[in-house]
Amino acid sequence: MYSVLDNPIWQSLTSVDANKNIGNTQIAYLDAEIAPFIGMPSWDEASQHRLLQHAPPERTWFLLYSHEVHFIDEYKIVFSIPLYQFICTKLGKAPALKKGIKIVPLDSAHIDEMIALTALTKPGPFMRRTIEFGNYHGIFENGKLVAMGGERLHLPGLTEISAICTHPDYQGKGYGAKITQFLAKLVMKKGETPFLHARVDNIKAMDVYKRLGFEIRAEIQFYIFRRKDL
């Protein structure tokens, strides 16, 4: 079941999230206002040459893949780092929120605040239509969005939790842990398994996820790349 997570973008955009795929049956990608993700069933040389011919040439792409990709000369790597991929089959506890603080749904009326918060905290790409992945929730203090998170990639029986972030001035209150737990519960209520990704050097976040019951499943390679001639 979990082997599909070795190539999560491709598996998502050709299954549960296929309605968001604006590519084709060989190259799957999203509108730039949703996310810069791209997926293919294989990243061998022939597949990359096909990508050159059929994908929008001006875009910068984000890739999650279980194996090291040897990019052809026509592409350059802008950034790369290994991530740990976590799954959760038994959820742990998170600290209780202080009185008066609640986790509430976020919608299109909150997009500007969400973009500002993610631009500050950099949990991953967040665009004006990223919220379309669904189930975004946040925490407000004094009318200000100070923490948030939501869903991203969906595969059969699996849902990714993403964009977990807390404003620097409000860290240490357990908001990130509580939102992660809240979202994981929503996923589990659907009979699905939550998964998420974390940089291998983000020790603080990984400690939180482990306390919540998440376990490392695999190491996933993360690439940002684009064509060299642009």
Protein backbone atom coordinates (compact mmCIF):
# COMPACT_ATOMS: atom_id res chain seq x y z
CA MET A 1 0.00 0.00 0.00
CA TYR A 2 2.66 2.49 1.01
CA SER A 3 4.90 1.89 -2.02
CA VAL A 4 2.79 4.42 -3.97
CA LEU A 5 4.36 7.06 -1.73
CA ASP A 6 7.69 6.50 -3.49
CA ASN A 7 6.33 8.68 -6.30
CA PRO A 8 3.61 10.66 -4.51
CA ILE A 9 2.99 13.47 -6.99
CA TRP A 10 2.49 11.15 -9.94
CA GLN A 11 0.34 8.76 -7.91
CA SER A 12 -1.80 11.60 -6.57
CA LEU A 13 -2.38 13.38 -9.88
CA THR A 14 -3.32 10.15 -11.65
CA SER A 15 -5.75 8.97 -8.96
CA VAL A 16 -7.59 10.97 -6.29
CA ASP A 17 -6.32 14.38 -7.44
CA ALA A 18 -6.63 13.61 -11.16
CA ASN A 19 -9.22 16.40 -11.49
CA LYS A 20 -6.40 18.88 -10.81
CA ASN A 21 -3.99 17.37 -13.35
CA ILE A 22 -3.66 19.71 -16.35
CA GLY A 23 -0.97 17.55 -17.99
CA ASN A 24 -1.59 14.22 -19.67
CA THR A 25 -1.26 10.48 -19.11
CA GLN A 26 2.55 10.64 -19.16
CA ILE A 27 3.28 13.97 -17.47
CA ALA A 28 1.13 15.18 -14.58
CA TYR A 29 1.27 18.71 -13.21
CA LEU A 30 -0.87 21.38 -11.61
CA ASP A 31 -1.88 24.91 -12.45
CA ALA A 32 0.86 27.25 -11.22
CA GLU A 33 -1.62 28.94 -8.87
CA ILE A 34 -2.22 25.64 -7.07
CA ALA A 35 1.32 24.26 -6.76
CA PRO A 36 4.51 23.84 -8.83
CA PHE A 37 4.48 20.03 -8.54
CA ILE A 38 5.17 17.71 -11.44
CA GLY A 39 5.19 13.94 -11.68
CA MET A 40 5.97 11.19 -14.17
CA PRO A 41 5.93 7.41 -13.77
CA SER A 42 9.68 7.34 -14.40
CA TRP A 43 12.44 9.95 -14.40
CA ASP A 44 14.79 8.20 -16.83
CA GLU A 45 16.41 10.01 -19.75
CA ALA A 46 13.65 9.24 -22.23
CA SER A 47 10.99 10.55 -19.85
CA GLN A 48 12.89 13.77 -19.28
CA HIS A 49 13.22 14.38 -23.01
CA ARG A 50 9.45 13.88 -23.28
CA LEU A 51 9.07 16.44 -20.51
CA LEU A 52 11.10 18.95 -22.52
CA GLN A 53 8.70 18.59 -25.42
CA HIS A 54 5.37 18.67 -23.62
CA ALA A 55 5.61 20.64 -20.35
CA PRO A 56 5.35 24.45 -20.20
CA PRO A 57 8.97 25.55 -20.73
CA GLU A 58 8.87 28.65 -18.56
CA ARG A 59 7.91 26.97 -15.30
CA THR A 60 10.07 25.97 -12.34
CA TRP A 61 9.10 22.53 -11.07
CA PHE A 62 9.02 20.82 -7.66
CA LEU A 63 9.52 17.06 -7.52
CA LEU A 64 9.23 14.45 -4.75
CA TYR A 65 10.73 11.09 -5.70
CA SER A 66 12.19 8.16 -3.79
CA HIS A 67 15.33 7.81 -5.91
CA GLU A 68 18.09 10.16 -6.95
CA VAL A 69 17.27 11.71 -10.31
CA HIS A 70 20.07 12.21 -12.84
CA PHE A 71 18.81 15.17 -14.80
CA ILE A 72 19.65 15.52 -18.47
CA ASP A 73 21.84 18.44 -19.54
CA GLU A 74 18.87 20.55 -20.60
CA TYR A 75 17.75 20.90 -16.97
CA LYS A 76 19.42 22.54 -14.00
CA ILE A 77 18.76 21.83 -10.34
CA VAL A 78 17.85 25.02 -8.52
CA PHE A 79 17.70 23.34 -5.11
CA SER A 80 17.63 19.83 -3.69
CA ILE A 81 17.49 18.24 -0.26
CA PRO A 82 16.47 14.86 1.17
CA LEU A 83 13.26 14.73 3.17
CA TYR A 84 11.89 12.19 5.59
CA GLN A 85 8.47 10.88 4.72
CA PHE A 86 6.35 10.08 7.77
CA ILE A 87 3.16 8.05 8.10
CA CYS A 88 0.88 7.69 11.11
CA THR A 89 -1.18 4.61 11.94
CA LYS A 90 -1.73 5.35 15.64
CA LEU A 91 -2.09 8.96 16.69
CA GLY A 92 -0.51 10.27 19.86
CA LYS A 93 -1.48 13.21 22.06
CA ALA A 94 -0.79 16.92 21.67
CA PRO A 95 -0.81 19.66 24.33
CA ALA A 96 -4.22 21.22 25.01
CA LEU A 97 -4.79 24.71 23.69
CA LYS A 98 -5.22 27.47 26.22
CA LYS A 99 -8.75 28.62 26.99
CA GLY A 100 -10.37 30.59 24.20
CA ILE A 101 -8.03 29.36 21.46
CA LYS A 102 -9.70 27.26 18.78
CA ILE A 103 -8.82 25.59 15.50
CA VAL A 104 -11.17 26.97 12.85
CA PRO A 105 -11.72 26.31 9.13
CA LEU A 106 -10.00 28.59 6.62
CA ASP A 107 -11.53 29.59 3.30
CA SER A 108 -10.96 31.91 0.36
CA ALA A 109 -11.52 34.96 2.57
CA HIS A 110 -8.30 34.08 4.44
CA ILE A 111 -6.02 33.57 1.43
CA ASP A 112 -4.07 36.83 1.80
CA GLU A 113 -3.35 36.04 5.46
CA MET A 114 -2.38 32.48 4.58
CA ILE A 115 0.00 33.62 1.87
CA ALA A 116 1.59 36.14 4.24
CA LEU A 117 2.07 33.53 6.97
CA THR A 118 3.55 30.90 4.65
CA ALA A 119 5.81 33.51 3.01
CA LEU A 120 7.18 34.30 6.46
CA THR A 121 7.55 30.73 7.74
CA LYS A 122 8.26 28.87 4.46
CA PRO A 123 6.63 25.47 5.13
CA GLY A 124 6.53 24.78 1.38
CA PRO A 125 4.94 26.28 -1.71
CA PHE A 126 1.63 28.00 -1.05
CA MET A 127 -0.17 29.86 -3.82
CA ARG A 128 -3.55 31.54 -4.19
CA ARG A 129 -5.30 28.28 -5.13
CA THR A 130 -3.37 25.87 -2.90
CA ILE A 131 -6.33 25.94 -0.54
CA GLU A 132 -8.22 23.87 -3.15
CA PHE A 133 -6.45 20.78 -1.82
CA GLY A 134 -8.86 21.11 1.08
CA ASN A 135 -9.33 21.02 4.85
CA TYR A 136 -7.23 24.06 5.73
CA HIS A 137 -7.57 25.14 9.33
CA GLY A 138 -5.92 27.78 11.44
CA ILE A 139 -5.55 29.40 14.83
CA PHE A 140 -6.22 33.10 15.39
CA GLU A 141 -5.06 35.32 18.22
CA ASN A 142 -6.56 38.79 18.51
CA GLY A 143 -7.97 38.45 15.02
CA LYS A 144 -4.61 37.52 13.48
CA LEU A 145 -3.85 34.20 11.76
CA VAL A 146 -0.89 32.82 13.71
CA ALA A 147 -0.84 29.11 12.78
CA MET A 148 -2.27 26.94 10.03
CA GLY A 149 -2.13 23.69 8.12
CA GLY A 150 -4.11 21.64 5.64
CA GLU A 151 -4.12 18.78 3.18
CA ARG A 152 -2.17 18.47 -0.06
CA LEU A 153 -1.61 15.28 -2.05
CA HIS A 154 -4.34 12.62 -1.94
CA LEU A 155 -3.79 9.00 -2.93
CA PRO A 156 -6.08 6.00 -2.47
CA GLY A 157 -6.24 5.51 1.31
CA LEU A 158 -3.61 8.19 1.98
CA THR A 159 -3.72 11.94 2.59
CA GLU A 160 -0.78 14.30 2.98
CA ILE A 161 -0.78 16.89 5.76
CA SER A 162 1.04 20.03 4.66
CA ALA A 163 1.74 23.73 5.21
CA ILE A 164 1.98 23.31 8.98
CA CYS A 165 3.39 26.60 10.22
CA THR A 166 3.32 29.01 13.15
CA HIS A 167 4.20 32.70 13.21
CA PRO A 168 7.60 33.14 14.94
CA ASP A 169 6.06 35.38 17.61
CA TYR A 170 3.63 32.61 18.62
CA GLN A 171 5.86 29.56 18.66
CA GLY A 172 6.24 27.44 21.78
CA LYS A 173 2.49 27.25 22.42
CA GLY A 174 1.98 23.87 20.78
CA TYR A 175 -0.05 25.28 17.90
CA GLY A 176 1.76 23.35 15.17
CA ALA A 177 1.44 20.08 17.06
CA LYS A 178 -2.25 20.65 17.79
CA ILE A 179 -3.09 21.49 14.17
CA THR A 180 -1.13 18.45 12.95
CA GLN A 181 -3.03 16.21 15.37
CA PHE A 182 -6.35 17.80 14.39
CA LEU A 183 -5.73 17.25 10.67
CA ALA A 184 -4.48 13.70 11.21
CA LYS A 185 -7.69 12.90 13.08
CA LEU A 186 -9.74 14.21 10.16
CA VAL A 187 -7.81 11.94 7.80
CA MET A 188 -8.19 8.92 10.06
CA LYS A 189 -11.95 9.51 10.41
CA LYS A 190 -12.14 8.94 6.65
CA GLY A 191 -10.44 5.58 7.14
CA GLU A 192 -7.23 6.85 5.58
CA THR A 193 -3.60 7.11 6.68
CA PRO A 194 -2.04 10.57 7.09
CA PHE A 195 1.47 11.20 5.81
CA LEU A 196 3.76 14.22 5.69
CA HIS A 197 7.27 15.31 4.77
CA ALA A 198 9.97 17.05 6.76
CA ARG A 199 13.49 18.19 5.94
CA VAL A 200 16.06 15.81 7.41
CA ASP A 201 17.66 18.76 9.20
CA ASN A 202 14.40 19.98 10.80
CA ILE A 203 14.96 18.19 14.08
CA LYS A 204 12.40 20.26 16.00
CA ALA A 205 9.55 19.44 13.63
CA MET A 206 10.50 15.76 13.45
CA ASP A 207 10.45 15.49 17.26
CA VAL A 208 6.91 16.90 17.26
CA TYR A 209 5.74 14.48 14.59
CA LYS A 210 7.23 11.51 16.40
CA ARG A 211 5.50 12.49 19.64
CA LEU A 212 2.24 12.60 17.70
CA GLY A 213 2.72 9.02 16.54
CA PHE A 214 4.22 9.60 13.10
CA GLU A 215 6.99 7.24 12.03
CA ILE A 216 9.60 7.64 9.31
CA ARG A 217 8.65 5.50 6.33
CA ALA A 218 11.34 6.47 3.82
CA GLU A 219 13.76 9.11 2.63
CA ILE A 220 12.41 11.09 -0.31
CA GLN A 221 14.41 13.32 -2.61
CA PHE A 222 13.10 16.83 -3.13
CA TYR A 223 14.14 18.78 -6.22
CA ILE A 224 13.43 22.23 -7.58
CA PHE A 225 14.50 22.34 -11.22
CA ARG A 226 13.95 24.19 -14.48
CA ARG A 227 15.24 24.38 -18.02
CA LYS A 228 18.74 25.79 -18.45
CA ASP A 229 17.90 27.87 -21.50
CA LEU A 230 15.40 30.10 -19.67
